Amino acid sequence: MVSVLSVASAFWLGVLTSISPCPLAANVAAISYLTREVDRPRRVLLAGVLYSLGRVITYVVLGVLIAGSLMSIPKVAFFLQTRMNQILGPVLLLAGAILLGWVRPGFGGVSASEETASRLKSLGYAGAVLLGLLFAMSFCPVSAGLFFGSLIPLSLQQGAPVALPVAYGLGTGLPVLGFALALALGIKGLSRLFEKTSQFASWLGKLTGWVFLLVGFYYLVAHLALPLFRTAS
């Protein structure tokens, strides 16, 4: 059974992804897509939900293809079950370094822009889903590191190639969903609120990076260094 902590961790990884440079730019473009019908709050909210759904679908498909495929291979599954704690140490250290900006892996993806959003406006609600699907694939170094370096190993460890990507996808769509809800409720000063939230989230991202480093160091010592020392002695 998937633990609540792992679901919360996957959701938080999604939130961190949403505030990294590339996904943040995609979310800004998505918000511009939503504001085309700012005078119709219910439509804005529904479009925000569908956009988040598009992101969730993408990450679930990727999670099933990658984690599910690896778990279906007996030798790989056995290796991961017996060695996952040893693998997690270096993986968490790498993820923490990426969050802190110390490591920038070269990884390209589909570019996201407001121009793309404007082209999908004519498709209505279907365009919102497609926008979520497309922008979810807009991996940049940080988002790629969090998804492939943190979420996939966590999904493998928990044996949850569907549940955790769903939580992750919801986390990545949270800023747009929150903005759509705020528009539907008629909250003023959204631009300033979005700016302050982005600044605060950036600080939280760095804090999480340090937490990843500490936990990764613990896993490295407890599951790699100490067993090697005991074997040598």
Protein backbone atom coordinates (compact mmCIF):
# COMPACT_ATOMS: atom_id res chain seq x y z
CA MET A 1 0.00 0.00 0.00
CA VAL A 2 1.29 3.47 -0.92
CA SER A 3 2.11 5.55 2.14
CA VAL A 4 0.65 8.99 2.75
CA LEU A 5 4.18 10.36 3.10
CA SER A 6 5.18 9.13 -0.37
CA VAL A 7 2.04 10.67 -1.92
CA ALA A 8 2.75 13.96 -0.12
CA SER A 9 6.38 13.80 -1.28
CA ALA A 10 5.31 13.22 -4.90
CA PHE A 11 2.86 16.13 -4.68
CA TRP A 12 5.56 18.39 -3.24
CA LEU A 13 7.97 17.37 -6.01
CA GLY A 14 5.27 18.48 -8.45
CA VAL A 15 4.93 21.84 -6.72
CA LEU A 16 8.69 22.31 -6.87
CA THR A 17 8.63 21.42 -10.57
CA SER A 18 5.92 24.01 -11.22
CA ILE A 19 8.13 26.82 -9.90
CA SER A 20 11.29 25.83 -11.79
CA PRO A 21 12.08 28.15 -14.75
CA CYS A 22 10.63 26.21 -17.70
CA PRO A 23 7.39 24.99 -16.07
CA LEU A 24 6.91 28.42 -14.48
CA ALA A 25 7.05 30.00 -17.93
CA ALA A 26 4.58 27.36 -19.15
CA ASN A 27 2.24 28.14 -16.26
CA VAL A 28 2.38 31.85 -17.05
CA ALA A 29 1.43 31.00 -20.65
CA ALA A 30 -1.39 28.80 -19.36
CA ILE A 31 -2.65 31.63 -17.18
CA SER A 32 -2.74 33.88 -20.24
CA TYR A 33 -4.84 31.16 -21.89
CA LEU A 34 -7.27 31.15 -18.95
CA THR A 35 -7.69 34.93 -18.81
CA ARG A 36 -9.20 35.00 -22.28
CA GLU A 37 -12.60 34.42 -20.63
CA VAL A 38 -12.03 36.25 -17.39
CA ASP A 39 -15.65 37.46 -17.49
CA ARG A 40 -16.83 33.82 -17.26
CA PRO A 41 -15.45 32.52 -13.94
CA ARG A 42 -16.89 29.00 -14.25
CA ARG A 43 -15.29 28.48 -17.65
CA VAL A 44 -11.96 29.74 -16.31
CA LEU A 45 -12.12 27.28 -13.41
CA LEU A 46 -13.09 24.37 -15.68
CA ALA A 47 -10.26 25.22 -18.09
CA GLY A 48 -7.83 25.26 -15.16
CA VAL A 49 -9.03 21.82 -14.05
CA LEU A 50 -8.69 20.44 -17.59
CA TYR A 51 -5.20 21.92 -17.93
CA SER A 52 -4.15 20.16 -14.71
CA LEU A 53 -5.79 16.97 -15.99
CA GLY A 54 -3.68 17.15 -19.13
CA ARG A 55 -0.52 17.35 -17.03
CA VAL A 56 -1.64 14.44 -14.85
CA ILE A 57 -2.33 12.24 -17.90
CA THR A 58 1.15 12.91 -19.28
CA TYR A 59 2.97 12.05 -16.05
CA VAL A 60 0.86 8.94 -15.43
CA VAL A 61 1.62 7.64 -18.93
CA LEU A 62 5.34 8.32 -18.44
CA GLY A 63 5.25 6.79 -14.96
CA VAL A 64 3.56 3.61 -16.18
CA LEU A 65 5.87 3.31 -19.19
CA ILE A 66 9.05 3.79 -17.17
CA ALA A 67 8.38 2.56 -13.64
CA GLY A 68 5.77 -0.01 -14.66
CA SER A 69 8.01 -1.47 -17.34
CA LEU A 70 10.98 -1.76 -14.99
CA MET A 71 8.84 -3.40 -12.29
CA SER A 72 7.53 -5.97 -14.79
CA ILE A 73 11.05 -7.32 -15.48
CA PRO A 74 11.77 -9.88 -12.70
CA LYS A 75 15.54 -9.33 -12.50
CA VAL A 76 15.21 -5.55 -12.54
CA ALA A 77 12.38 -5.64 -9.99
CA PHE A 78 14.43 -7.85 -7.64
CA PHE A 79 17.47 -5.61 -8.01
CA LEU A 80 15.41 -2.49 -7.24
CA GLN A 81 13.70 -4.12 -4.25
CA THR A 82 17.04 -5.15 -2.73
CA ARG A 83 19.16 -2.15 -3.73
CA MET A 84 16.73 0.79 -3.80
CA ASN A 85 17.86 2.19 -0.43
CA GLN A 86 21.45 2.20 -1.71
CA ILE A 87 20.39 3.91 -4.94
CA LEU A 88 18.30 6.58 -3.19
CA GLY A 89 21.31 8.16 -1.44
CA PRO A 90 23.13 9.31 -4.59
CA VAL A 91 19.80 10.10 -6.32
CA LEU A 92 18.67 12.40 -3.49
CA LEU A 93 22.08 14.08 -3.38
CA LEU A 94 21.84 14.74 -7.12
CA ALA A 95 18.27 16.04 -6.82
CA GLY A 96 19.29 18.35 -3.99
CA ALA A 97 22.23 19.68 -6.01
CA ILE A 98 19.90 20.34 -8.95
CA LEU A 99 17.41 22.20 -6.76
CA LEU A 100 20.20 24.36 -5.38
CA GLY A 101 21.49 25.10 -8.86
CA TRP A 102 24.82 23.39 -8.33
CA VAL A 103 24.22 20.87 -11.13
CA ARG A 104 22.50 21.65 -14.42
CA PRO A 105 21.99 18.46 -16.45
CA GLY A 106 21.68 18.94 -20.17
CA PHE A 107 18.12 18.03 -21.07
CA GLY A 108 15.91 19.51 -23.75
CA GLY A 109 12.17 19.26 -24.25
CA VAL A 110 9.23 20.80 -26.02
CA SER A 111 9.38 24.58 -25.70
CA ALA A 112 6.43 26.27 -24.00
CA SER A 113 5.31 29.77 -24.84
CA GLU A 114 2.35 32.10 -24.84
CA GLU A 115 2.31 31.76 -28.64
CA THR A 116 1.54 28.05 -28.22
CA ALA A 117 -1.26 28.89 -25.81
CA SER A 118 -2.76 31.41 -28.22
CA ARG A 119 -2.82 28.81 -31.02
CA LEU A 120 -4.85 26.45 -28.83
CA LYS A 121 -7.43 29.04 -27.81
CA SER A 122 -9.66 28.18 -30.76
CA LEU A 123 -9.98 24.58 -29.50
CA GLY A 124 -11.85 25.59 -26.35
CA TYR A 125 -11.77 23.11 -23.48
CA ALA A 126 -9.92 20.53 -25.59
CA GLY A 127 -7.20 23.15 -26.01
CA ALA A 128 -6.81 23.35 -22.22
CA VAL A 129 -6.20 19.59 -22.02
CA LEU A 130 -3.76 19.70 -24.94
CA LEU A 131 -1.97 22.63 -23.34
CA GLY A 132 -1.48 20.58 -20.17
CA LEU A 133 -0.24 17.60 -22.18
CA LEU A 134 2.20 19.72 -24.17
CA PHE A 135 3.56 21.78 -21.30
CA ALA A 136 4.01 18.68 -19.14
CA MET A 137 6.54 17.52 -21.73
CA SER A 138 8.47 20.81 -21.51
CA PHE A 139 11.26 19.33 -19.40
CA CYS A 140 14.20 21.51 -18.46
CA PRO A 141 17.16 20.54 -16.22
CA VAL A 142 15.41 21.02 -12.87
CA SER A 143 12.05 19.51 -13.85
CA ALA A 144 13.76 16.58 -15.61
CA GLY A 145 15.92 15.96 -12.53
CA LEU A 146 12.91 16.02 -10.20
CA PHE A 147 10.77 13.76 -12.39
CA PHE A 148 13.32 11.20 -13.61
CA GLY A 149 15.72 11.50 -10.67
CA SER A 150 13.26 11.70 -7.77
CA LEU A 151 9.70 10.76 -8.69
CA ILE A 152 10.52 7.66 -10.77
CA PRO A 153 12.82 6.14 -8.08
CA LEU A 154 10.16 6.93 -5.44
CA SER A 155 7.49 5.25 -7.61
CA LEU A 156 9.74 2.21 -8.01
CA GLN A 157 10.41 2.01 -4.29
CA GLN A 158 6.71 2.25 -3.41
CA GLY A 159 5.55 0.10 -6.33
CA ALA A 160 3.19 2.89 -7.38
CA PRO A 161 3.67 3.80 -11.06
CA VAL A 162 0.20 5.43 -11.19
CA ALA A 163 -0.66 6.94 -7.80
CA LEU A 164 2.53 8.94 -7.34
CA PRO A 165 2.61 10.40 -10.88
CA VAL A 166 -1.02 11.48 -10.31
CA ALA A 167 0.00 13.33 -7.13
CA TYR A 168 3.01 14.78 -8.95
CA GLY A 169 0.87 15.98 -11.86
CA LEU A 170 -1.60 17.67 -9.51
CA GLY A 171 1.33 19.44 -7.85
CA THR A 172 2.64 20.74 -11.18
CA GLY A 173 -0.77 22.14 -12.09
CA LEU A 174 -1.42 23.69 -8.67
CA PRO A 175 -0.35 27.29 -9.53
CA VAL A 176 -2.63 27.44 -12.59
CA LEU A 177 -5.47 25.73 -10.76
CA GLY A 178 -5.09 28.16 -7.85
CA PHE A 179 -5.03 31.11 -10.22
CA ALA A 180 -8.16 29.84 -12.00
CA LEU A 181 -9.93 29.42 -8.65
CA ALA A 182 -8.90 32.93 -7.62
CA LEU A 183 -10.27 34.31 -10.89
CA ALA A 184 -13.51 32.40 -10.38
CA LEU A 185 -13.84 33.88 -6.89
CA GLY A 186 -13.06 37.37 -8.17
CA ILE A 187 -9.94 37.88 -6.06
CA LYS A 188 -8.14 41.13 -6.90
CA GLY A 189 -4.41 41.81 -7.03
CA LEU A 190 -3.66 38.44 -8.63
CA SER A 191 -0.50 39.58 -10.39
CA ARG A 192 1.13 40.71 -7.14
CA LEU A 193 -0.05 37.56 -5.39
CA PHE A 194 1.44 35.39 -8.16
CA GLU A 195 4.75 37.25 -7.97
CA LYS A 196 4.99 36.92 -4.18
CA THR A 197 4.04 33.24 -4.34
CA SER A 198 6.77 32.60 -6.92
CA GLN A 199 9.38 34.30 -4.72
CA PHE A 200 8.30 32.34 -1.64
CA ALA A 201 8.20 29.09 -3.60
CA SER A 202 11.74 29.72 -4.87
CA TRP A 203 12.93 29.95 -1.27
CA LEU A 204 11.08 26.74 -0.41
CA GLY A 205 12.73 25.04 -3.37
CA LYS A 206 16.18 25.83 -1.97
CA LEU A 207 15.12 24.67 1.49
CA THR A 208 13.92 21.38 -0.01
CA GLY A 209 17.25 21.07 -1.82
CA TRP A 210 19.09 21.16 1.50
CA VAL A 211 16.66 18.62 2.97
CA PHE A 212 17.32 16.32 -0.01
CA LEU A 213 21.06 16.67 0.59
CA LEU A 214 20.73 15.77 4.28
CA VAL A 215 18.44 12.79 3.65
CA GLY A 216 20.61 11.65 0.74
CA PHE A 217 23.72 11.86 2.94
CA TYR A 218 21.93 9.76 5.58
CA TYR A 219 20.98 7.09 3.03
CA LEU A 220 24.52 7.14 1.65
CA VAL A 221 26.06 6.56 5.08
CA ALA A 222 23.44 4.14 6.44
CA HIS A 223 23.01 1.92 3.38
CA LEU A 224 26.34 2.20 1.56
CA ALA A 225 29.21 3.40 3.75
CA LEU A 226 28.36 1.46 6.96
CA PRO A 227 27.66 -1.90 5.23
CA LEU A 228 30.94 -1.55 3.30
CA PHE A 229 32.80 -0.73 6.53
CA ARG A 230 31.27 -3.72 8.33
CA THR A 231 32.17 -6.00 5.44
CA ALA A 232 35.74 -4.73 5.37
CA SER A 233 36.17 -5.16 9.12
